[in-house]
Amino acid sequence: SDRGSHYSSRRYQQLLWRYRINPSMSRRGNCWDNAPMERLFRSLKSEWVPEHGYKNVVDARESISEYLMGYYSNIRPHHYNGGLTPNES
């Protein structure tokens, strides 16, 4: 993630530690470190996630998996790949 206050807060860091999650943050002052993930999340939010969110975590997990493994990888053309999907490139 970037080094936003919500990711670097003590409470969030404690929650990660509690679940033994090792966070990955981009280097300070280098906005390009995280650009691919930021682009993915922007696409996910604008193309797929319902305007009012999901009913529950299970629905969210299933829908987002469908987006990533189905639509994003197999159907959606990517400018970076010359208009091909990730699985075609």
N, C-alpha and C. Protein backbone atom coordinates (compact mmCIF):
# COMPACT_ATOMS: atom_id res chain seq x y z
N SER A 1 0.84 -1.18 0.00
CA SER A 1 0.00 0.00 0.00
C SER A 1 0.88 1.24 0.00
N ASP A 2 0.23 2.38 -0.14
CA ASP A 2 0.97 3.62 0.07
C ASP A 2 1.12 3.81 1.58
N ARG A 3 1.69 4.87 1.99
CA ARG A 3 1.91 5.09 3.42
C ARG A 3 0.84 5.99 4.02
N GLY A 4 -0.39 5.84 3.53
CA GLY A 4 -1.50 6.63 4.04
C GLY A 4 -1.74 6.38 5.51
N SER A 5 -2.34 7.35 6.18
CA SER A 5 -2.51 7.25 7.63
C SER A 5 -3.35 6.04 8.03
N HIS A 6 -4.31 5.64 7.20
CA HIS A 6 -5.13 4.48 7.56
C HIS A 6 -4.32 3.19 7.50
N TYR A 7 -3.27 3.11 6.67
CA TYR A 7 -2.44 1.91 6.61
C TYR A 7 -1.31 1.93 7.62
N SER A 8 -0.86 3.09 8.01
CA SER A 8 0.27 3.17 8.94
C SER A 8 -0.16 3.42 10.38
N SER A 9 -1.46 3.48 10.61
CA SER A 9 -1.95 3.73 11.97
C SER A 9 -1.59 2.57 12.90
N ARG A 10 -1.43 2.90 14.15
CA ARG A 10 -1.08 1.90 15.16
C ARG A 10 -2.15 0.80 15.23
N ARG A 11 -3.41 1.19 15.19
CA ARG A 11 -4.50 0.21 15.30
C ARG A 11 -4.47 -0.78 14.14
N TYR A 12 -4.27 -0.27 12.92
CA TYR A 12 -4.22 -1.13 11.74
C TYR A 12 -3.01 -2.05 11.80
N GLN A 13 -1.87 -1.52 12.20
CA GLN A 13 -0.65 -2.33 12.31
C GLN A 13 -0.82 -3.43 13.35
N GLN A 14 -1.49 -3.14 14.45
CA GLN A 14 -1.75 -4.15 15.47
C GLN A 14 -2.66 -5.25 14.94
N LEU A 15 -3.65 -4.86 14.16
CA LEU A 15 -4.55 -5.85 13.57
C LEU A 15 -3.79 -6.77 12.61
N LEU A 16 -2.92 -6.21 11.80
CA LEU A 16 -2.10 -7.03 10.90
C LEU A 16 -1.23 -7.99 11.70
N TRP A 17 -0.58 -7.47 12.75
CA TRP A 17 0.27 -8.31 13.58
C TRP A 17 -0.53 -9.45 14.21
N ARG A 18 -1.72 -9.13 14.68
CA ARG A 18 -2.59 -10.12 15.33
C ARG A 18 -2.88 -11.30 14.41
N TYR A 19 -3.09 -11.02 13.12
CA TYR A 19 -3.40 -12.07 12.16
C TYR A 19 -2.17 -12.54 11.37
N ARG A 20 -1.00 -12.12 11.85
CA ARG A 20 0.28 -12.52 11.26
C ARG A 20 0.37 -12.17 9.77
N ILE A 21 -0.08 -10.96 9.47
CA ILE A 21 -0.01 -10.44 8.11
C ILE A 21 1.16 -9.49 8.02
N ASN A 22 2.02 -9.72 7.05
CA ASN A 22 3.19 -8.86 6.85
C ASN A 22 2.84 -7.81 5.80
N PRO A 23 2.68 -6.56 6.21
CA PRO A 23 2.29 -5.53 5.24
C PRO A 23 3.42 -5.17 4.29
N SER A 24 3.04 -4.74 3.11
CA SER A 24 4.01 -4.27 2.12
C SER A 24 3.64 -2.84 1.77
N MET A 25 4.56 -1.92 2.01
CA MET A 25 4.29 -0.52 1.72
C MET A 25 5.35 0.00 0.76
N SER A 26 4.92 0.87 -0.12
CA SER A 26 5.85 1.46 -1.07
C SER A 26 6.84 2.37 -0.35
N ARG A 27 7.94 2.62 -1.00
CA ARG A 27 8.95 3.50 -0.42
C ARG A 27 8.43 4.92 -0.36
N ARG A 28 8.81 5.63 0.64
CA ARG A 28 8.43 7.02 0.81
C ARG A 28 8.90 7.84 -0.39
N GLY A 29 8.00 8.62 -0.96
CA GLY A 29 8.35 9.51 -2.06
C GLY A 29 8.43 8.85 -3.42
N ASN A 30 8.07 7.57 -3.52
CA ASN A 30 8.12 6.90 -4.81
C ASN A 30 6.72 6.42 -5.18
N CYS A 31 6.00 7.25 -5.87
CA CYS A 31 4.61 6.94 -6.21
C CYS A 31 4.49 5.81 -7.21
N TRP A 32 5.56 5.48 -7.92
CA TRP A 32 5.48 4.45 -8.96
C TRP A 32 5.52 3.04 -8.39
N ASP A 33 5.97 2.87 -7.16
CA ASP A 33 6.05 1.54 -6.56
C ASP A 33 4.71 0.83 -6.58
N ASN A 34 3.66 1.56 -6.32
CA ASN A 34 2.35 0.95 -6.12
C ASN A 34 1.39 1.20 -7.28
N ALA A 35 1.86 1.78 -8.36
CA ALA A 35 0.98 2.16 -9.47
C ALA A 35 0.17 1.00 -10.05
N PRO A 36 0.76 -0.18 -10.29
CA PRO A 36 -0.05 -1.27 -10.85
C PRO A 36 -1.21 -1.69 -9.95
N MET A 37 -0.98 -1.75 -8.64
CA MET A 37 -2.06 -2.13 -7.73
C MET A 37 -3.12 -1.04 -7.63
N GLU A 38 -2.68 0.21 -7.61
CA GLU A 38 -3.64 1.31 -7.58
C GLU A 38 -4.53 1.26 -8.82
N ARG A 39 -3.95 0.94 -9.98
CA ARG A 39 -4.71 0.86 -11.23
C ARG A 39 -5.70 -0.31 -11.17
N LEU A 40 -5.27 -1.43 -10.65
CA LEU A 40 -6.16 -2.59 -10.50
C LEU A 40 -7.35 -2.24 -9.61
N PHE A 41 -7.08 -1.63 -8.46
CA PHE A 41 -8.17 -1.29 -7.55
C PHE A 41 -9.11 -0.25 -8.15
N ARG A 42 -8.56 0.69 -8.91
CA ARG A 42 -9.42 1.68 -9.57
C ARG A 42 -10.35 0.99 -10.57
N SER A 43 -9.81 0.05 -11.35
CA SER A 43 -10.63 -0.68 -12.31
C SER A 43 -11.69 -1.52 -11.60
N LEU A 44 -11.29 -2.21 -10.56
CA LEU A 44 -12.23 -3.03 -9.79
C LEU A 44 -13.38 -2.19 -9.27
N LYS A 45 -13.07 -1.06 -8.66
CA LYS A 45 -14.11 -0.21 -8.08
C LYS A 45 -15.01 0.40 -9.14
N SER A 46 -14.43 0.84 -10.25
CA SER A 46 -15.24 1.55 -11.25
C SER A 46 -15.98 0.61 -12.19
N GLU A 47 -15.47 -0.60 -12.40
CA GLU A 47 -16.07 -1.52 -13.37
C GLU A 47 -16.91 -2.63 -12.75
N TRP A 48 -16.73 -2.91 -11.48
CA TRP A 48 -17.30 -4.15 -10.96
C TRP A 48 -18.07 -4.01 -9.65
N VAL A 49 -17.51 -3.35 -8.68
CA VAL A 49 -18.13 -3.28 -7.35
C VAL A 49 -19.44 -2.50 -7.43
N PRO A 50 -20.53 -3.07 -6.90
CA PRO A 50 -21.81 -2.36 -6.92
C PRO A 50 -21.72 -1.01 -6.21
N GLU A 51 -22.49 -0.07 -6.67
CA GLU A 51 -22.45 1.30 -6.13
C GLU A 51 -22.64 1.33 -4.62
N HIS A 52 -23.50 0.46 -4.11
CA HIS A 52 -23.79 0.46 -2.67
C HIS A 52 -23.09 -0.68 -1.94
N GLY A 53 -22.08 -1.26 -2.56
CA GLY A 53 -21.30 -2.31 -1.91
C GLY A 53 -21.97 -3.67 -1.98
N TYR A 54 -21.43 -4.59 -1.23
CA TYR A 54 -21.93 -5.96 -1.19
C TYR A 54 -22.75 -6.19 0.07
N LYS A 55 -23.61 -7.22 0.02
CA LYS A 55 -24.46 -7.55 1.17
C LYS A 55 -23.64 -8.13 2.32
N ASN A 56 -22.62 -8.91 1.96
CA ASN A 56 -21.81 -9.55 2.99
C ASN A 56 -20.43 -9.90 2.43
N VAL A 57 -19.57 -10.38 3.29
CA VAL A 57 -18.19 -10.69 2.91
C VAL A 57 -18.14 -11.83 1.90
N VAL A 58 -18.99 -12.82 2.06
CA VAL A 58 -19.00 -13.96 1.14
C VAL A 58 -19.32 -13.49 -0.28
N ASP A 59 -20.35 -12.67 -0.44
CA ASP A 59 -20.70 -12.13 -1.76
C ASP A 59 -19.56 -11.31 -2.34
N ALA A 60 -18.93 -10.51 -1.51
CA ALA A 60 -17.81 -9.68 -1.97
C ALA A 60 -16.66 -10.56 -2.44
N ARG A 61 -16.31 -11.54 -1.66
CA ARG A 61 -15.20 -12.43 -2.00
C ARG A 61 -15.46 -13.16 -3.32
N GLU A 62 -16.67 -13.70 -3.49
CA GLU A 62 -17.01 -14.42 -4.71
C GLU A 62 -16.99 -13.51 -5.93
N SER A 63 -17.58 -12.33 -5.79
CA SER A 63 -17.65 -11.39 -6.90
C SER A 63 -16.27 -10.89 -7.30
N ILE A 64 -15.45 -10.55 -6.33
CA ILE A 64 -14.12 -10.03 -6.63
C ILE A 64 -13.24 -11.13 -7.23
N SER A 65 -13.39 -12.36 -6.78
CA SER A 65 -12.67 -13.48 -7.39
C SER A 65 -13.09 -13.65 -8.84
N GLU A 66 -14.38 -13.54 -9.10
CA GLU A 66 -14.89 -13.64 -10.47
C GLU A 66 -14.29 -12.54 -11.35
N TYR A 67 -14.19 -11.34 -10.81
CA TYR A 67 -13.61 -10.22 -11.55
C TYR A 67 -12.14 -10.49 -11.88
N LEU A 68 -11.37 -10.86 -10.86
CA LEU A 68 -9.93 -11.04 -11.05
C LEU A 68 -9.59 -12.24 -11.91
N MET A 69 -10.20 -13.38 -11.61
CA MET A 69 -9.83 -14.61 -12.30
C MET A 69 -10.57 -14.80 -13.63
N GLY A 70 -11.71 -14.17 -13.76
CA GLY A 70 -12.49 -14.30 -14.99
C GLY A 70 -12.36 -13.09 -15.87
N TYR A 71 -13.07 -12.04 -15.52
CA TYR A 71 -13.15 -10.86 -16.37
C TYR A 71 -11.81 -10.16 -16.57
N TYR A 72 -11.13 -9.81 -15.50
CA TYR A 72 -9.90 -9.01 -15.60
C TYR A 72 -8.79 -9.76 -16.33
N SER A 73 -8.69 -11.05 -16.11
CA SER A 73 -7.60 -11.84 -16.69
C SER A 73 -7.92 -12.40 -18.07
N ASN A 74 -9.19 -12.65 -18.37
CA ASN A 74 -9.55 -13.34 -19.61
C ASN A 74 -10.33 -12.52 -20.62
N ILE A 75 -11.01 -11.47 -20.19
CA ILE A 75 -11.91 -10.73 -21.08
C ILE A 75 -11.47 -9.28 -21.27
N ARG A 76 -11.08 -8.63 -20.20
CA ARG A 76 -10.78 -7.19 -20.25
C ARG A 76 -9.45 -6.92 -20.95
N PRO A 77 -9.48 -6.18 -22.08
CA PRO A 77 -8.21 -5.83 -22.73
C PRO A 77 -7.45 -4.80 -21.90
N HIS A 78 -6.14 -4.87 -21.96
CA HIS A 78 -5.28 -3.98 -21.20
C HIS A 78 -4.40 -3.17 -22.15
N HIS A 79 -4.40 -1.88 -21.96
CA HIS A 79 -3.58 -0.99 -22.79
C HIS A 79 -2.11 -1.39 -22.71
N TYR A 80 -1.65 -1.71 -21.52
CA TYR A 80 -0.25 -2.07 -21.30
C TYR A 80 0.16 -3.29 -22.14
N ASN A 81 -0.77 -4.19 -22.38
CA ASN A 81 -0.50 -5.41 -23.14
C ASN A 81 -0.85 -5.26 -24.61
N GLY A 82 -0.95 -4.04 -25.08
CA GLY A 82 -1.28 -3.82 -26.49
C GLY A 82 -2.69 -4.23 -26.84
N GLY A 83 -3.61 -4.10 -25.89
CA GLY A 83 -5.00 -4.43 -26.13
C GLY A 83 -5.35 -5.89 -25.90
N LEU A 84 -4.39 -6.68 -25.43
CA LEU A 84 -4.64 -8.09 -25.11
C LEU A 84 -5.00 -8.23 -23.64
N THR A 85 -5.63 -9.34 -23.32
CA THR A 85 -5.88 -9.64 -21.91
C THR A 85 -4.58 -10.15 -21.29
N PRO A 86 -4.47 -10.17 -19.96
CA PRO A 86 -3.25 -10.72 -19.35
C PRO A 86 -2.98 -12.17 -19.76
N ASN A 87 -4.02 -12.97 -19.90
CA ASN A 87 -3.82 -14.37 -20.27
C ASN A 87 -3.44 -14.54 -21.74
N GLU A 88 -3.75 -13.55 -22.58
CA GLU A 88 -3.36 -13.61 -23.99
C GLU A 88 -1.92 -13.14 -24.20
N SER A 89 -1.46 -12.28 -23.33
CA SER A 89 -0.13 -11.68 -23.56
C SER A 89 1.00 -12.58 -23.12
